[in-house]
Amino acid sequence: MTDHNIWWGNEAALHFWEAETLADLVSRDFSTDSMIVRTRLQEIFSHTSQGERVEEHWTLYPNGSPKMVVMTFTPVTVEDNKKAVLIESTPQTQGTLDHRAQRILEAVRYTPLMISTFAMDGRLLAQNPAAANVHDHGNNTQVTLETRYNDPEILKRILGRYKNRKRFRTDLMLQTSLGEKWHTLTAEVGLDPVSGGKVVVITEEDITQRVQAEEDLRRLNLDLEKRVSERTHKLSLAQQEAETANESKGNFLATMSHELRTPLNAIIGFTEMLSHQIYGPVNERQVNALKDIDQSARHLLELINELLDASTIEQGELKLYEEQFGLEQLVNYCRATFEIETIKKDQAFKLSNTVPGLFLIGDARRFRQILTNLLANAVKYTPEGGEVSLVITRDKDMNLIFTVIDNGIGIPENRLHDVCKAFTQAASSSWAAGKGVGLGLYITSQLVAAHGGELKISSEEGKGTKVSVIMPREKTRD
């Protein structure tokens, strides 16, 4: 048999199929066989094509009369080297089953799958114990396909799928003897081994637990989505509040900085005039007091300027006024500013510039601020008798590097990753007390980044700190 057609049969086959001639047998149409039969034959052909020999119990219907046989399938080759299957059939005595058939019937008896057979008019013909146990719930009326599954169109839909050679499959919620259950129904149209007529075979699988799990998961997802949405909304509100608060803080700092700088400048100005005795003579004790006033006022002005810079940076309003300026200008400024400071603290100040004559492209005022902040920190946190140095050089990629080195108190390793955050002081010892509000490195790091540079810090507590500002070669001119 190839392509679901008989190619040849012997005399016994002619007798079995009640055919007068071989031509009569070969010409018979088997295309109306059920999908189950066609699918099983395709599986058998697949096995036999690999050289296997298959033996099964079948019920065949010559001229509509059921006959039980043992079928043996053997791969063979026919003319033109076509692959075919030799089918040998041994009729069984009526009422007896071979061992395989008995075992299959026993398996049907014990399987949890519910199997029922219905006539084409919808009447229930047979069912296995699993189906009887689930569907027998005190209903003494005649059971039909339509009443069991509460669907007057179910037979029509099954036959519609069968006509298109497709398997009918659906999920239904049913009232059973075990309560409300979800079943997956699979329907096939086959032949009745008793009458030879067409029947509908229904296989049911209880999927209640799976459906319940899917529903629980759906509800969990909905609840999770709701909670995520609520949490996102709260975070959004919190973010808006934080942004509003941050903006208010920035506006407050900017306003107060401007308001405070005016009287401070006046205090510094009047202090200088008093020190120069413009308003009359002052004694030595008064001169010393005026110096303390001037130093305190200038320190307070530095803090206010830092607050104003931090506020400008946080609000994204930092502006650079780039120009080309000589590196020597920076070197001279740093030398003039910190030589006197280090002498006051009995510190050694070293300045080395290995690239004289170089020009920078950037905001000159902000660059002075960068180096001033770094050198001021180095001087501030280095004890008397220590050493502070500024080294200016280039790396192998021709990037310009400013390195500030000191042998001061250093920074603890657990604070290194926080030193460039706002309001964080580099040192945690008593040296930090009263030496600023922790904005110097924050402002410096932001100014370096604004120039396209990189700030690197390495330190060891008790041994000193090394801070490098790396500017890309594109920012330099020979």
Protein backbone atom coordinates (compact mmCIF):
# COMPACT_ATOMS: atom_id res chain seq x y z
CA MET A 1 0.00 0.00 0.00
CA THR A 2 1.47 3.45 -1.01
CA ASP A 3 -0.12 6.87 -0.91
CA HIS A 4 -3.02 5.32 1.00
CA ASN A 5 -3.90 3.07 -1.99
CA ILE A 6 -3.66 -0.71 -2.38
CA TRP A 7 -0.98 -1.60 -4.96
CA TRP A 8 -1.34 -5.46 -4.89
CA GLY A 9 -3.11 -8.21 -2.96
CA ASN A 10 -3.08 -12.01 -2.95
CA GLU A 11 -6.05 -14.38 -3.16
CA ALA A 12 -6.57 -14.30 0.61
CA ALA A 13 -6.70 -10.52 0.46
CA LEU A 14 -9.28 -10.64 -2.35
CA HIS A 15 -11.37 -13.03 -0.23
CA PHE A 16 -10.98 -10.87 2.91
CA TRP A 17 -12.00 -7.69 1.11
CA GLU A 18 -14.76 -9.57 -0.82
CA ALA A 19 -13.29 -8.45 -4.14
CA GLU A 20 -13.82 -10.53 -7.29
CA THR A 21 -10.62 -9.39 -9.02
CA LEU A 22 -7.34 -7.65 -8.18
CA ALA A 23 -8.37 -4.72 -10.37
CA ASP A 24 -11.52 -4.39 -8.26
CA LEU A 25 -9.45 -4.29 -5.05
CA VAL A 26 -6.84 -1.85 -6.38
CA SER A 27 -9.48 0.55 -7.64
CA ARG A 28 -11.25 0.86 -4.30
CA ASP A 29 -11.28 4.34 -2.68
CA PHE A 30 -9.87 4.48 0.84
CA SER A 31 -9.67 8.27 0.98
CA THR A 32 -12.66 8.44 3.33
CA ASP A 33 -10.76 6.73 6.15
CA SER A 34 -10.75 8.72 9.38
CA MET A 35 -7.97 11.10 10.36
CA ILE A 36 -6.92 8.65 13.09
CA VAL A 37 -6.39 5.88 10.52
CA ARG A 38 -4.51 8.12 8.11
CA THR A 39 -2.29 9.53 10.87
CA ARG A 40 -1.49 6.05 12.24
CA LEU A 41 -0.66 4.74 8.77
CA GLN A 42 1.70 7.66 8.19
CA GLU A 43 3.43 6.88 11.49
CA ILE A 44 3.73 3.21 10.52
CA PHE A 45 5.09 4.09 7.08
CA SER A 46 7.68 6.31 8.81
CA HIS A 47 8.77 3.45 11.08
CA THR A 48 8.85 0.80 8.36
CA SER A 49 10.87 3.06 6.07
CA GLN A 50 13.65 2.76 8.66
CA GLY A 51 13.56 -1.05 8.30
CA GLU A 52 11.35 -1.77 11.33
CA ARG A 53 8.59 -4.39 11.36
CA VAL A 54 5.36 -3.38 13.09
CA GLU A 55 2.58 -5.64 14.40
CA GLU A 56 -0.77 -4.29 15.64
CA HIS A 57 -4.36 -5.28 16.30
CA TRP A 58 -6.83 -3.59 13.93
CA THR A 59 -10.51 -3.69 13.09
CA LEU A 60 -11.14 -3.50 9.33
CA TYR A 61 -14.46 -2.98 7.53
CA PRO A 62 -14.72 -4.85 4.19
CA ASN A 63 -18.05 -3.87 2.67
CA GLY A 64 -18.97 -2.22 6.01
CA SER A 65 -18.70 -5.36 8.13
CA PRO A 66 -16.19 -5.18 11.03
CA LYS A 67 -13.48 -7.86 11.12
CA MET A 68 -10.76 -8.02 13.81
CA VAL A 69 -7.30 -8.90 12.50
CA VAL A 70 -3.65 -8.88 13.55
CA MET A 71 -1.78 -6.64 11.09
CA THR A 72 1.93 -7.02 10.33
CA PHE A 73 3.64 -4.19 8.42
CA THR A 74 6.93 -4.91 6.57
CA PRO A 75 8.90 -2.42 4.38
CA VAL A 76 9.32 -3.49 0.74
CA THR A 77 10.39 -1.95 -2.58
CA VAL A 78 8.11 -2.17 -5.64
CA GLU A 79 8.62 -1.19 -9.25
CA ASP A 80 10.62 1.96 -10.02
CA ASN A 81 12.21 1.54 -6.57
CA LYS A 82 9.16 2.98 -4.86
CA LYS A 83 8.91 2.37 -1.13
CA ALA A 84 5.84 0.45 -0.01
CA VAL A 85 4.60 -1.54 2.95
CA LEU A 86 3.59 -5.21 2.82
CA ILE A 87 0.59 -5.72 5.10
CA GLU A 88 -0.18 -9.25 6.30
CA SER A 89 -3.54 -9.70 8.04
CA THR A 90 -4.49 -12.67 10.24
CA PRO A 91 -8.23 -12.77 11.10
CA GLN A 92 -9.10 -13.34 14.76
CA THR A 93 -11.80 -15.63 16.01
CA GLN A 94 -14.90 -13.65 16.88
CA GLY A 95 -15.03 -12.83 20.54
CA THR A 96 -11.34 -13.39 21.22
CA LEU A 97 -8.59 -10.76 21.47
CA ASP A 98 -4.84 -11.11 21.31
CA HIS A 99 -2.75 -10.09 24.31
CA ARG A 100 -1.96 -6.65 22.90
CA ALA A 101 -5.62 -5.81 22.38
CA GLN A 102 -6.49 -7.05 25.87
CA ARG A 103 -3.80 -4.84 27.36
CA ILE A 104 -4.97 -1.83 25.33
CA LEU A 105 -8.54 -2.33 26.58
CA GLU A 106 -7.23 -2.62 30.15
CA ALA A 107 -5.27 0.62 29.69
CA VAL A 108 -8.43 2.37 28.45
CA ARG A 109 -10.18 1.07 31.55
CA TYR A 110 -7.65 2.57 33.95
CA THR A 111 -6.55 5.76 32.19
CA PRO A 112 -7.57 9.08 33.82
CA LEU A 113 -8.45 10.32 30.32
CA MET A 114 -12.21 10.29 29.74
CA ILE A 115 -13.12 8.42 26.53
CA SER A 116 -16.69 8.28 25.17
CA THR A 117 -18.18 7.02 21.92
CA PHE A 118 -21.32 8.64 20.45
CA ALA A 119 -23.49 7.60 17.52
CA MET A 120 -23.96 10.03 14.65
CA ASP A 121 -27.39 10.94 16.05
CA GLY A 122 -25.69 12.01 19.29
CA ARG A 123 -26.54 8.97 21.45
CA LEU A 124 -23.96 7.78 23.95
CA LEU A 125 -22.81 4.28 22.92
CA ALA A 126 -19.96 3.62 25.36
CA GLN A 127 -17.63 5.28 27.82
CA ASN A 128 -14.69 4.22 29.94
CA PRO A 129 -14.82 4.27 33.77
CA ALA A 130 -13.12 7.69 33.98
CA ALA A 131 -15.83 9.29 31.83
CA ALA A 132 -18.63 7.49 33.69
CA ASN A 133 -17.25 8.59 37.07
CA VAL A 134 -17.07 12.26 36.05
CA HIS A 135 -20.30 12.59 34.05
CA ASP A 136 -22.66 10.37 36.09
CA HIS A 137 -24.16 12.91 38.49
CA GLY A 138 -27.71 11.64 39.02
CA ASN A 139 -29.10 12.62 35.61
CA ASN A 140 -31.38 9.78 34.50
CA THR A 141 -32.29 11.33 31.15
CA GLN A 142 -30.86 10.01 27.91
CA VAL A 143 -27.27 11.18 27.55
CA THR A 144 -26.40 12.70 24.19
CA LEU A 145 -23.40 14.51 22.78
CA GLU A 146 -25.32 17.81 22.88
CA THR A 147 -26.67 17.47 26.44
CA ARG A 148 -23.40 16.29 27.98
CA TYR A 149 -21.45 19.22 26.65
CA ASN A 150 -24.35 21.71 26.72
CA ASP A 151 -23.83 22.68 23.07
CA PRO A 152 -26.56 21.97 20.45
CA GLU A 153 -24.09 22.76 17.63
CA ILE A 154 -21.19 20.59 18.81
CA LEU A 155 -21.82 17.67 16.40
CA LYS A 156 -22.12 20.08 13.50
CA ARG A 157 -18.82 21.71 14.42
CA ILE A 158 -17.07 18.34 14.84
CA LEU A 159 -18.27 17.17 11.41
CA GLY A 160 -17.23 20.48 9.88
CA ARG A 161 -13.66 19.97 11.12
CA TYR A 162 -13.73 16.31 10.00
CA LYS A 163 -14.86 17.33 6.50
CA ASN A 164 -11.80 19.61 6.26
CA ARG A 165 -9.62 16.79 7.62
CA LYS A 166 -8.87 18.71 10.78
CA ARG A 167 -9.13 17.55 14.36
CA PHE A 168 -11.79 19.15 16.57
CA ARG A 169 -10.34 20.49 19.82
CA THR A 170 -11.77 22.90 22.37
CA ASP A 171 -11.71 23.83 26.07
CA LEU A 172 -15.03 23.77 27.95
CA MET A 173 -16.23 24.48 31.46
CA LEU A 174 -18.56 21.63 32.50
CA GLN A 175 -20.76 20.73 35.44
CA THR A 176 -19.62 17.27 36.55
CA SER A 177 -20.19 14.96 39.49
CA LEU A 178 -16.98 16.40 40.92
CA GLY A 179 -18.21 19.96 40.56
CA GLU A 180 -17.36 22.65 38.04
CA LYS A 181 -14.41 21.52 35.91
CA TRP A 182 -12.48 22.64 32.85
CA HIS A 183 -11.93 19.93 30.21
CA THR A 184 -10.02 19.84 26.94
CA LEU A 185 -12.17 17.97 24.38
CA THR A 186 -10.68 16.21 21.36
CA ALA A 187 -13.13 14.68 18.87
CA GLU A 188 -12.46 12.19 16.06
CA VAL A 189 -14.84 10.56 13.59
CA GLY A 190 -14.23 6.80 13.28
CA LEU A 191 -16.02 3.52 12.61
CA ASP A 192 -17.92 1.39 15.12
CA PRO A 193 -16.28 -2.07 15.45
CA VAL A 194 -19.72 -3.50 16.26
CA SER A 195 -22.00 -2.02 13.62
CA GLY A 196 -19.47 -0.71 11.11
CA GLY A 197 -21.15 2.71 11.11
CA LYS A 198 -19.52 6.07 11.77
CA VAL A 199 -19.16 7.21 15.36
CA VAL A 200 -17.70 10.19 17.21
CA VAL A 201 -14.98 9.40 19.73
CA ILE A 202 -14.52 12.07 22.42
CA THR A 203 -11.39 12.24 24.57
CA GLU A 204 -11.45 14.55 27.57
CA GLU A 205 -8.61 15.76 29.80
CA ASP A 206 -9.19 17.57 33.09
CA ILE A 207 -7.27 20.87 32.88
CA THR A 208 -8.92 22.56 35.87
CA GLN A 209 -5.67 22.92 37.82
CA ARG A 210 -3.90 24.38 34.79
CA VAL A 211 -6.73 26.86 34.12
CA GLN A 212 -6.79 27.83 37.80
CA ALA A 213 -3.01 28.31 37.77
CA GLU A 214 -3.28 30.47 34.64
CA GLU A 215 -6.06 32.51 36.26
CA ASP A 216 -4.02 32.91 39.46
CA LEU A 217 -1.04 34.00 37.37
CA ARG A 218 -3.23 36.45 35.42
CA ARG A 219 -4.56 37.94 38.65
CA LEU A 220 -1.05 38.07 40.08
CA ASN A 221 0.17 39.88 36.97
CA LEU A 222 -2.74 42.32 37.15
CA ASP A 223 -2.07 42.91 40.83
CA LEU A 224 1.65 43.30 40.11
CA GLU A 225 0.95 45.71 37.25
CA LYS A 226 -1.35 47.69 39.55
CA ARG A 227 1.25 47.79 42.30
CA VAL A 228 4.00 48.72 39.85
CA SER A 229 1.77 51.44 38.41
CA GLU A 230 0.99 52.79 41.88
CA ARG A 231 4.65 52.60 42.87
CA THR A 232 5.70 54.30 39.63
CA HIS A 233 3.14 57.03 40.25
CA LYS A 234 4.43 57.54 43.78
CA LEU A 235 8.02 57.60 42.56
CA SER A 236 7.02 60.07 39.87
CA LEU A 237 5.41 62.31 42.47
CA ALA A 238 8.43 61.92 44.73
CA GLN A 239 10.73 62.77 41.84
CA GLN A 240 8.66 65.84 41.00
CA GLU A 241 8.72 66.89 44.65
CA ALA A 242 12.48 66.30 44.80
CA GLU A 243 13.04 68.27 41.61
CA THR A 244 10.83 71.07 42.92
CA ALA A 245 12.66 71.04 46.25
CA ASN A 246 16.02 70.95 44.50
CA GLU A 247 15.00 73.84 42.26
CA SER A 248 13.76 75.78 45.28
CA LYS A 249 17.01 75.05 47.09
CA GLY A 250 19.00 76.20 44.07
CA ASN A 251 16.97 79.38 43.76
CA PHE A 252 17.32 80.01 47.50
CA LEU A 253 21.09 79.49 47.43
CA ALA A 254 21.51 81.67 44.36
CA THR A 255 19.37 84.44 45.85
CA MET A 256 20.98 84.30 49.28
CA SER A 257 24.47 84.14 47.77
CA HIS A 258 23.85 87.31 45.83
CA GLU A 259 22.23 88.99 48.82
CA LEU A 260 25.04 88.00 51.20
CA ARG A 261 27.93 88.91 48.91
CA THR A 262 26.93 92.60 48.76
CA PRO A 263 27.22 93.33 52.50
CA LEU A 264 30.30 91.08 52.77
CA ASN A 265 32.10 93.04 50.07
CA ALA A 266 31.17 96.19 51.98
CA ILE A 267 32.56 94.72 55.21
CA ILE A 268 35.82 93.77 53.47
CA GLY A 269 36.08 97.20 51.85
CA PHE A 270 35.47 99.13 55.10
CA THR A 271 37.87 96.84 56.95
CA GLU A 272 40.62 97.62 54.45
CA MET A 273 39.95 101.38 54.76
CA LEU A 274 40.07 101.16 58.54
CA SER A 275 43.32 99.17 58.34
CA HIS A 276 44.82 101.89 56.13
CA GLN A 277 43.65 104.47 58.74
CA ILE A 278 41.57 106.41 56.18
CA TYR A 279 39.05 107.28 58.91
CA GLY A 280 41.70 108.07 61.48
CA PRO A 281 44.48 106.38 63.44
CA VAL A 282 44.05 102.90 64.96
CA ASN A 283 46.29 101.21 67.51
CA GLU A 284 48.09 97.86 67.04
CA ARG A 285 45.43 95.88 68.86
CA GLN A 286 42.75 97.32 66.60
CA VAL A 287 44.86 96.51 63.50
CA ASN A 288 45.06 92.85 64.54
CA ALA A 289 41.30 92.76 65.10
CA LEU A 290 40.73 94.26 61.66
CA LYS A 291 42.97 91.54 60.12
CA ASP A 292 40.85 88.84 61.80
CA ILE A 293 37.67 90.51 60.53
CA ASP A 294 39.09 90.69 57.01
CA GLN A 295 40.19 87.02 57.02
CA SER A 296 36.84 85.82 58.37
CA ALA A 297 34.90 87.90 55.86
CA ARG A 298 37.00 86.66 52.95
CA HIS A 299 36.59 83.03 54.12
CA LEU A 300 32.83 83.53 54.32
CA LEU A 301 32.86 85.07 50.84
CA GLU A 302 34.67 81.99 49.49
CA LEU A 303 32.00 79.73 51.00
CA ILE A 304 29.23 81.84 49.49
CA ASN A 305 30.93 81.78 46.10
CA GLU A 306 31.16 77.99 46.33
CA LEU A 307 27.46 77.75 47.17
CA LEU A 308 26.63 79.97 44.22
CA ASP A 309 28.79 77.84 41.87
CA ALA A 310 27.21 74.61 43.16
CA SER A 311 23.74 76.04 42.65
CA THR A 312 24.62 77.13 39.11
CA ILE A 313 25.97 73.65 38.30
CA GLU A 314 22.98 71.78 39.78
CA GLN A 315 20.56 73.91 37.78
CA GLY A 316 22.50 73.18 34.59
CA GLU A 317 23.28 76.83 34.08
CA LEU A 318 27.08 76.57 34.11
CA LYS A 319 28.49 78.49 31.15
CA LEU A 320 32.07 78.47 29.90
CA TYR A 321 33.59 81.39 28.07
CA GLU A 322 36.26 79.60 26.10
CA GLU A 323 39.30 81.34 24.71
CA GLN A 324 42.92 80.54 23.94
CA PHE A 325 45.26 81.43 26.81
CA GLY A 326 48.86 80.65 27.67
CA LEU A 327 49.75 77.91 30.12
CA GLU A 328 52.40 80.19 31.60
CA GLN A 329 49.66 82.49 32.84
CA LEU A 330 48.28 79.64 34.98
CA VAL A 331 51.73 78.69 36.21
CA ASN A 332 52.54 82.24 37.27
CA TYR A 333 49.14 82.66 38.95
CA CYS A 334 49.56 79.45 40.96
CA ARG A 335 53.15 80.38 41.95
CA ALA A 336 52.15 83.86 43.08
CA THR A 337 49.11 82.62 45.00
CA PHE A 338 50.53 79.63 46.87
CA GLU A 339 54.18 80.44 47.48
CA ILE A 340 53.17 82.83 50.24
CA GLU A 341 50.51 80.40 51.60
CA THR A 342 53.00 77.54 51.88
CA ILE A 343 55.65 79.77 53.45
CA LYS A 344 53.15 80.71 56.18
CA LYS A 345 52.72 76.99 56.99
CA ASP A 346 56.43 76.21 56.65
CA GLN A 347 55.59 73.92 53.68
CA ALA A 348 57.75 73.24 50.62
CA PHE A 349 56.04 74.26 47.37
CA LYS A 350 57.35 72.82 44.11
CA LEU A 351 56.11 73.75 40.66
CA SER A 352 57.28 71.91 37.52
CA ASN A 353 56.10 72.73 34.00
CA THR A 354 57.58 70.38 31.34
CA VAL A 355 55.59 71.91 28.46
CA PRO A 356 56.40 75.65 28.42
CA GLY A 357 54.92 77.75 25.63
CA LEU A 358 51.74 75.64 25.43
CA PHE A 359 48.32 77.22 24.98
CA LEU A 360 44.99 75.97 26.35
CA ILE A 361 41.48 76.34 24.94
CA GLY A 362 38.95 76.89 27.71
CA ASP A 363 37.58 79.26 30.29
CA ALA A 364 40.71 80.82 31.85
CA ARG A 365 38.91 81.99 35.01
CA ARG A 366 37.39 78.54 35.60
CA PHE A 367 40.74 76.87 34.95
CA ARG A 368 42.34 79.04 37.61
CA GLN A 369 39.51 77.99 39.90
CA ILE A 370 40.22 74.29 39.21
CA LEU A 371 43.91 74.56 40.13
CA THR A 372 43.22 76.91 43.02
CA ASN A 373 40.75 74.46 44.58
CA LEU A 374 43.14 71.51 44.22
CA LEU A 375 46.17 73.38 45.55
CA ALA A 376 44.13 74.94 48.38
CA ASN A 377 43.00 71.46 49.46
CA ALA A 378 46.57 70.18 49.33
CA VAL A 379 47.82 73.07 51.48
CA LYS A 380 44.83 72.84 53.81
CA TYR A 381 45.23 69.13 54.60
CA THR A 382 49.02 69.04 54.74
CA PRO A 383 50.55 69.72 58.19
CA GLU A 384 53.34 72.24 58.78
CA GLY A 385 56.67 71.09 57.37
CA GLY A 386 54.95 69.07 54.61
CA GLU A 387 55.31 69.35 50.87
CA VAL A 388 52.90 70.40 48.08
CA SER A 389 53.74 70.23 44.37
CA LEU A 390 52.16 70.96 41.00
CA VAL A 391 53.51 69.06 37.99
CA ILE A 392 52.38 69.87 34.45
CA THR A 393 53.28 67.37 31.72
CA ARG A 394 51.96 65.33 28.78
CA ASP A 395 51.25 61.58 28.49
CA LYS A 396 52.07 59.31 25.55
CA ASP A 397 48.81 60.34 23.82
CA MET A 398 49.80 64.01 24.11
CA ASN A 399 47.03 64.72 26.62
CA LEU A 400 47.86 67.54 29.05
CA ILE A 401 48.07 66.48 32.72
CA PHE A 402 48.02 68.70 35.81
CA THR A 403 49.04 66.72 38.91
CA VAL A 404 48.75 68.11 42.46
CA ILE A 405 50.65 66.01 45.02
CA ASP A 406 50.89 66.38 48.80
CA ASN A 407 52.14 64.31 51.72
CA GLY A 408 49.30 65.35 54.00
CA ILE A 409 46.77 63.38 56.02
CA GLY A 410 45.35 61.55 52.97
CA ILE A 411 41.84 60.26 52.34
CA PRO A 412 40.44 56.99 53.82
CA GLU A 413 39.86 54.36 51.14
CA ASN A 414 36.18 54.03 52.04
CA ARG A 415 35.65 57.78 51.32
CA LEU A 416 37.46 58.03 48.00
CA HIS A 417 34.35 57.25 45.91
CA ASP A 418 32.38 60.02 47.68
CA VAL A 419 34.87 62.90 47.73
CA CYS A 420 33.53 64.45 44.51
CA LYS A 421 29.96 64.56 45.81
CA ALA A 422 28.46 67.83 46.99
CA PHE A 423 28.82 68.66 50.69
CA THR A 424 31.34 65.85 51.25
CA GLN A 425 34.69 66.62 52.86
CA ALA A 426 37.76 64.67 51.74
CA ALA A 427 39.07 64.16 55.27
CA SER A 428 37.21 62.88 58.29
CA SER A 429 39.71 63.86 61.00
CA SER A 430 39.86 67.02 63.12
CA TRP A 431 41.78 68.66 60.26
CA ALA A 432 38.49 68.96 58.35
CA ALA A 433 36.73 70.87 61.10
CA GLY A 434 35.99 74.40 60.02
CA LYS A 435 37.84 74.06 56.71
CA GLY A 436 34.89 74.29 54.31
CA VAL A 437 31.49 72.80 53.48
CA GLY A 438 32.67 70.08 51.13
CA LEU A 439 32.00 71.73 47.77
CA GLY A 440 35.53 72.28 46.47
CA LEU A 441 36.13 68.88 44.82
CA TYR A 442 32.52 68.69 43.66
CA ILE A 443 32.79 72.02 41.82
CA THR A 444 36.25 71.12 40.52
CA SER A 445 35.10 67.77 39.10
CA GLN A 446 32.15 69.46 37.37
CA LEU A 447 34.35 72.19 35.87
CA VAL A 448 36.84 69.58 34.60
CA ALA A 449 34.02 67.56 33.04
CA ALA A 450 32.59 70.70 31.42
CA HIS A 451 35.97 71.21 29.72
CA GLY A 452 35.91 67.62 28.41
CA GLY A 453 38.58 66.50 30.88
CA GLU A 454 38.89 63.78 33.51
CA LEU A 455 39.63 64.00 37.24
CA LYS A 456 41.50 61.13 38.93
CA ILE A 457 42.21 60.85 42.66
CA SER A 458 44.45 58.39 44.49
CA SER A 459 45.27 58.60 48.17
CA GLU A 460 46.56 56.70 51.18
CA GLU A 461 45.54 57.70 54.66
CA GLY A 462 48.45 59.23 56.56
CA LYS A 463 50.71 59.40 53.49
CA GLY A 464 49.15 61.95 51.16
CA THR A 465 46.99 62.47 48.07
CA LYS A 466 47.55 62.71 44.33
CA VAL A 467 44.96 64.44 42.11
CA SER A 468 45.32 64.53 38.31
CA VAL A 469 43.39 66.66 35.82
CA ILE A 470 43.67 65.15 32.33
CA MET A 471 42.78 67.45 29.43
CA PRO A 472 42.46 65.99 25.92
CA ARG A 473 45.04 67.01 23.34
CA GLU A 474 42.26 68.74 21.34
CA LYS A 475 42.16 71.37 24.09
CA THR A 476 45.83 72.36 23.59
CA ARG A 477 47.77 74.34 21.02
CA ASP A 478 51.56 74.50 20.61
